[in-house]
Amino acid sequence: MEKIRMTVRLVPKLNKYVQNIAKECGKSKNSIIVDACWDFVEKIKKENKFNIEREE
């Protein structure tokens, strides 16, 4: 899997929420966002709404 660069801008309220979660978990904001993206991808794969083939 190749790495890609991505920029995400958060609205102030969501930014504050992510910062609080990051502090509680001891993770960075980026790590929290990446984890959430992977959770979303896994959910979509399970539902297979977009006919995504699994990479093993």
PDB file of N, CA and C in Angstrom:
ATOM      1  N   MET A   1       0.851  -1.166   0.000  1.00  0.00           N
ATOM      2  CA  MET A   1       0.000   0.000   0.000  1.00  0.00           C
ATOM      3  C   MET A   1       0.904   1.238   0.000  1.00  0.00           C
ATOM      4  N   GLU A   2       0.620   2.149  -0.904  1.00  0.00           N
ATOM      5  CA  GLU A   2       1.437   3.351  -0.971  1.00  0.00           C
ATOM      6  C   GLU A   2       0.908   4.404  -0.002  1.00  0.00           C
ATOM      7  N   LYS A   3       1.816   5.239   0.465  1.00  0.00           N
ATOM      8  CA  LYS A   3       1.422   6.315   1.363  1.00  0.00           C
ATOM      9  C   LYS A   3       1.021   7.519   0.531  1.00  0.00           C
ATOM     10  N   ILE A   4       0.014   8.223   1.000  1.00  0.00           N
ATOM     11  CA  ILE A   4      -0.390   9.458   0.339  1.00  0.00           C
ATOM     12  C   ILE A   4      -0.433  10.565   1.381  1.00  0.00           C
ATOM     13  N   ARG A   5      -0.280  11.771   0.926  1.00  0.00           N
ATOM     14  CA  ARG A   5      -0.328  12.925   1.814  1.00  0.00           C
ATOM     15  C   ARG A   5      -1.739  13.486   1.757  1.00  0.00           C
ATOM     16  N   MET A   6      -2.267  13.825   2.917  1.00  0.00           N
ATOM     17  CA  MET A   6      -3.632  14.306   2.969  1.00  0.00           C
ATOM     18  C   MET A   6      -3.719  15.448   3.976  1.00  0.00           C
ATOM     19  N   THR A   7      -4.475  16.460   3.637  1.00  0.00           N
ATOM     20  CA  THR A   7      -4.698  17.578   4.545  1.00  0.00           C
ATOM     21  C   THR A   7      -6.170  17.589   4.935  1.00  0.00           C
ATOM     22  N   VAL A   8      -6.410  17.661   6.231  1.00  0.00           N
ATOM     23  CA  VAL A   8      -7.782  17.685   6.736  1.00  0.00           C
ATOM     24  C   VAL A   8      -7.950  18.943   7.575  1.00  0.00           C
ATOM     25  N   ARG A   9      -8.987  19.691   7.288  1.00  0.00           N
ATOM     26  CA  ARG A   9      -9.299  20.871   8.102  1.00  0.00           C
ATOM     27  C   ARG A   9     -10.558  20.572   8.903  1.00  0.00           C
ATOM     28  N   LEU A  10     -10.496  20.881  10.174  1.00  0.00           N
ATOM     29  CA  LEU A  10     -11.630  20.617  11.054  1.00  0.00           C
ATOM     30  C   LEU A  10     -12.295  21.926  11.448  1.00  0.00           C
ATOM     31  N   VAL A  11     -13.608  21.901  11.532  1.00  0.00           N
ATOM     32  CA  VAL A  11     -14.306  23.068  12.061  1.00  0.00           C
ATOM     33  C   VAL A  11     -13.910  23.191  13.528  1.00  0.00           C
ATOM     34  N   PRO A  12     -13.941  24.409  14.081  1.00  0.00           N
ATOM     35  CA  PRO A  12     -13.451  24.614  15.453  1.00  0.00           C
ATOM     36  C   PRO A  12     -14.045  23.669  16.501  1.00  0.00           C
ATOM     37  N   LYS A  13     -15.344  23.405  16.422  1.00  0.00           N
ATOM     38  CA  LYS A  13     -15.980  22.542  17.419  1.00  0.00           C
ATOM     39  C   LYS A  13     -15.447  21.108  17.326  1.00  0.00           C
ATOM     40  N   LEU A  14     -15.310  20.594  16.108  1.00  0.00           N
ATOM     41  CA  LEU A  14     -14.776  19.249  15.916  1.00  0.00           C
ATOM     42  C   LEU A  14     -13.300  19.193  16.301  1.00  0.00           C
ATOM     43  N   ASN A  15     -12.558  20.263  16.007  1.00  0.00           N
ATOM     44  CA  ASN A  15     -11.147  20.327  16.377  1.00  0.00           C
ATOM     45  C   ASN A  15     -10.987  20.213  17.893  1.00  0.00           C
ATOM     46  N   LYS A  16     -11.803  20.941  18.627  1.00  0.00           N
ATOM     47  CA  LYS A  16     -11.758  20.904  20.096  1.00  0.00           C
ATOM     48  C   LYS A  16     -12.086  19.495  20.598  1.00  0.00           C
ATOM     49  N   TYR A  17     -13.088  18.872  20.001  1.00  0.00           N
ATOM     50  CA  TYR A  17     -13.499  17.515  20.374  1.00  0.00           C
ATOM     51  C   TYR A  17     -12.356  16.522  20.145  1.00  0.00           C
ATOM     52  N   VAL A  18     -11.719  16.605  18.975  1.00  0.00           N
ATOM     53  CA  VAL A  18     -10.612  15.698  18.653  1.00  0.00           C
ATOM     54  C   VAL A  18      -9.428  15.953  19.588  1.00  0.00           C
ATOM     55  N   GLN A  19      -9.155  17.214  19.904  1.00  0.00           N
ATOM     56  CA  GLN A  19      -8.071  17.537  20.838  1.00  0.00           C
ATOM     57  C   GLN A  19      -8.328  16.910  22.206  1.00  0.00           C
ATOM     58  N   ASN A  20      -9.552  16.984  22.681  1.00  0.00           N
ATOM     59  CA  ASN A  20      -9.890  16.408  23.984  1.00  0.00           C
ATOM     60  C   ASN A  20      -9.719  14.892  23.983  1.00  0.00           C
ATOM     61  N   ILE A  21     -10.169  14.237  22.922  1.00  0.00           N
ATOM     62  CA  ILE A  21     -10.008  12.785  22.819  1.00  0.00           C
ATOM     63  C   ILE A  21      -8.526  12.430  22.774  1.00  0.00           C
ATOM     64  N   ALA A  22      -7.749  13.202  22.016  1.00  0.00           N
ATOM     65  CA  ALA A  22      -6.311  12.945  21.898  1.00  0.00           C
ATOM     66  C   ALA A  22      -5.630  13.055  23.264  1.00  0.00           C
ATOM     67  N   LYS A  23      -6.013  14.058  24.044  1.00  0.00           N
ATOM     68  CA  LYS A  23      -5.433  14.220  25.385  1.00  0.00           C
ATOM     69  C   LYS A  23      -5.786  13.040  26.280  1.00  0.00           C
ATOM     70  N   GLU A  24      -7.044  12.604  26.225  1.00  0.00           N
ATOM     71  CA  GLU A  24      -7.493  11.489  27.054  1.00  0.00           C
ATOM     72  C   GLU A  24      -6.783  10.192  26.691  1.00  0.00           C
ATOM     73  N   CYS A  25      -6.570   9.981  25.388  1.00  0.00           N
ATOM     74  CA  CYS A  25      -5.967   8.726  24.912  1.00  0.00           C
ATOM     75  C   CYS A  25      -4.446   8.776  24.881  1.00  0.00           C
ATOM     76  N   GLY A  26      -3.877   9.965  24.965  1.00  0.00           N
ATOM     77  CA  GLY A  26      -2.429  10.094  24.868  1.00  0.00           C
ATOM     78  C   GLY A  26      -1.924   9.917  23.447  1.00  0.00           C
ATOM     79  N   LYS A  27      -2.768  10.242  22.481  1.00  0.00           N
ATOM     80  CA  LYS A  27      -2.401  10.140  21.065  1.00  0.00           C
ATOM     81  C   LYS A  27      -2.403  11.533  20.444  1.00  0.00           C
ATOM     82  N   SER A  28      -1.871  11.618  19.227  1.00  0.00           N
ATOM     83  CA  SER A  28      -1.911  12.886  18.503  1.00  0.00           C
ATOM     84  C   SER A  28      -3.257  13.028  17.795  1.00  0.00           C
ATOM     85  N   LYS A  29      -3.580  14.264  17.417  1.00  0.00           N
ATOM     86  CA  LYS A  29      -4.818  14.488  16.660  1.00  0.00           C
ATOM     87  C   LYS A  29      -4.781  13.709  15.355  1.00  0.00           C
ATOM     88  N   ASN A  30      -3.626  13.713  14.688  1.00  0.00           N
ATOM     89  CA  ASN A  30      -3.508  12.987  13.419  1.00  0.00           C
ATOM     90  C   ASN A  30      -3.801  11.512  13.608  1.00  0.00           C
ATOM     91  N   SER A  31      -3.284  10.937  14.676  1.00  0.00           N
ATOM     92  CA  SER A  31      -3.494   9.521  14.949  1.00  0.00           C
ATOM     93  C   SER A  31      -4.980   9.219  15.154  1.00  0.00           C
ATOM     94  N   ILE A  32      -5.666  10.085  15.869  1.00  0.00           N
ATOM     95  CA  ILE A  32      -7.103   9.913  16.109  1.00  0.00           C
ATOM     96  C   ILE A  32      -7.863   9.955  14.781  1.00  0.00           C
ATOM     97  N   ILE A  33      -7.519  10.907  13.919  1.00  0.00           N
ATOM     98  CA  ILE A  33      -8.202  11.054  12.630  1.00  0.00           C
ATOM     99  C   ILE A  33      -7.928   9.858  11.733  1.00  0.00           C
ATOM    100  N   VAL A  34      -6.676   9.404  11.680  1.00  0.00           N
ATOM    101  CA  VAL A  34      -6.322   8.244  10.852  1.00  0.00           C
ATOM    102  C   VAL A  34      -7.054   7.001  11.345  1.00  0.00           C
ATOM    103  N   ASP A  35      -7.101   6.803  12.658  1.00  0.00           N
ATOM    104  CA  ASP A  35      -7.832   5.655  13.214  1.00  0.00           C
ATOM    105  C   ASP A  35      -9.309   5.701  12.817  1.00  0.00           C
ATOM    106  N   ALA A  36      -9.903   6.888  12.886  1.00  0.00           N
ATOM    107  CA  ALA A  36     -11.314   7.035  12.517  1.00  0.00           C
ATOM    108  C   ALA A  36     -11.527   6.721  11.036  1.00  0.00           C
ATOM    109  N   CYS A  37     -10.590   7.147  10.196  1.00  0.00           N
ATOM    110  CA  CYS A  37     -10.699   6.852   8.756  1.00  0.00           C
ATOM    111  C   CYS A  37     -10.627   5.354   8.510  1.00  0.00           C
ATOM    112  N   TRP A  38      -9.696   4.665   9.190  1.00  0.00           N
ATOM    113  CA  TRP A  38      -9.578   3.211   9.014  1.00  0.00           C
ATOM    114  C   TRP A  38     -10.815   2.492   9.525  1.00  0.00           C
ATOM    115  N   ASP A  39     -11.371   2.968  10.638  1.00  0.00           N
ATOM    116  CA  ASP A  39     -12.615   2.376  11.146  1.00  0.00           C
ATOM    117  C   ASP A  39     -13.730   2.510  10.110  1.00  0.00           C
ATOM    118  N   PHE A  40     -13.798   3.678   9.467  1.00  0.00           N
ATOM    119  CA  PHE A  40     -14.804   3.908   8.432  1.00  0.00           C
ATOM    120  C   PHE A  40     -14.590   2.965   7.246  1.00  0.00           C
ATOM    121  N   VAL A  41     -13.344   2.817   6.814  1.00  0.00           N
ATOM    122  CA  VAL A  41     -13.030   1.927   5.690  1.00  0.00           C
ATOM    123  C   VAL A  41     -13.424   0.492   6.025  1.00  0.00           C
ATOM    124  N   GLU A  42     -13.094   0.036   7.223  1.00  0.00           N
ATOM    125  CA  GLU A  42     -13.446  -1.330   7.630  1.00  0.00           C
ATOM    126  C   GLU A  42     -14.961  -1.521   7.677  1.00  0.00           C
ATOM    127  N   LYS A  43     -15.681  -0.510   8.148  1.00  0.00           N
ATOM    128  CA  LYS A  43     -17.146  -0.591   8.193  1.00  0.00           C
ATOM    129  C   LYS A  43     -17.712  -0.711   6.782  1.00  0.00           C
ATOM    130  N   ILE A  44     -17.200   0.079   5.864  1.00  0.00           N
ATOM    131  CA  ILE A  44     -17.657   0.033   4.472  1.00  0.00           C
ATOM    132  C   ILE A  44     -17.341  -1.323   3.855  1.00  0.00           C
ATOM    133  N   LYS A  45     -16.160  -1.862   4.160  1.00  0.00           N
ATOM    134  CA  LYS A  45     -15.790  -3.181   3.629  1.00  0.00           C
ATOM    135  C   LYS A  45     -16.763  -4.250   4.114  1.00  0.00           C
ATOM    136  N   LYS A  46     -17.135  -4.184   5.395  1.00  0.00           N
ATOM    137  CA  LYS A  46     -18.066  -5.169   5.944  1.00  0.00           C
ATOM    138  C   LYS A  46     -19.427  -5.068   5.270  1.00  0.00           C
ATOM    139  N   GLU A  47     -19.883  -3.848   5.069  1.00  0.00           N
ATOM    140  CA  GLU A  47     -21.175  -3.645   4.423  1.00  0.00           C
ATOM    141  C   GLU A  47     -21.068  -3.857   2.922  1.00  0.00           C
ATOM    142  N   ASN A  48     -19.858  -3.688   2.400  1.00  0.00           N
ATOM    143  CA  ASN A  48     -19.545  -3.852   0.974  1.00  0.00           C
ATOM    144  C   ASN A  48     -20.499  -3.051   0.087  1.00  0.00           C
ATOM    145  N   LYS A  49     -20.787  -1.829   0.510  1.00  0.00           N
ATOM    146  CA  LYS A  49     -21.688  -0.974  -0.258  1.00  0.00           C
ATOM    147  C   LYS A  49     -21.081  -0.552  -1.593  1.00  0.00           C
ATOM    148  N   PHE A  50     -19.760  -0.416  -1.619  1.00  0.00           N
ATOM    149  CA  PHE A  50     -19.112   0.103  -2.811  1.00  0.00           C
ATOM    150  C   PHE A  50     -18.330  -0.971  -3.550  1.00  0.00           C
ATOM    151  N   ASN A  51     -18.646  -2.240  -3.282  1.00  0.00           N
ATOM    152  CA  ASN A  51     -17.961  -3.367  -3.913  1.00  0.00           C
ATOM    153  C   ASN A  51     -16.443  -3.252  -3.802  1.00  0.00           C
ATOM    154  N   ILE A  52     -15.978  -2.918  -2.612  1.00  0.00           N
ATOM    155  CA  ILE A  52     -14.544  -2.798  -2.359  1.00  0.00           C
ATOM    156  C   ILE A  52     -13.983  -4.186  -2.128  1.00  0.00           C
ATOM    157  N   GLU A  53     -12.929  -4.513  -2.856  1.00  0.00           N
ATOM    158  CA  GLU A  53     -12.273  -5.801  -2.650  1.00  0.00           C
ATOM    159  C   GLU A  53     -11.332  -5.676  -1.471  1.00  0.00           C
ATOM    160  N   ARG A  54     -11.270  -6.721  -0.683  1.00  0.00           N
ATOM    161  CA  ARG A  54     -10.398  -6.719   0.491  1.00  0.00           C
ATOM    162  C   ARG A  54      -8.951  -6.914   0.078  1.00  0.00           C
ATOM    163  N   GLU A  55      -8.068  -6.080   0.667  1.00  0.00           N
ATOM    164  CA  GLU A  55      -6.626  -6.257   0.467  1.00  0.00           C
ATOM    165  C   GLU A  55      -6.108  -7.094   1.603  1.00  0.00           C
ATOM    166  N   GLU A  56      -5.494  -8.182   1.305  1.00  0.00           N
ATOM    167  CA  GLU A  56      -4.946  -9.060   2.345  1.00  0.00           C
ATOM    168  C   GLU A  56      -3.447  -9.084   2.240  1.00  0.00           C
TER     169      GLU A  56
END
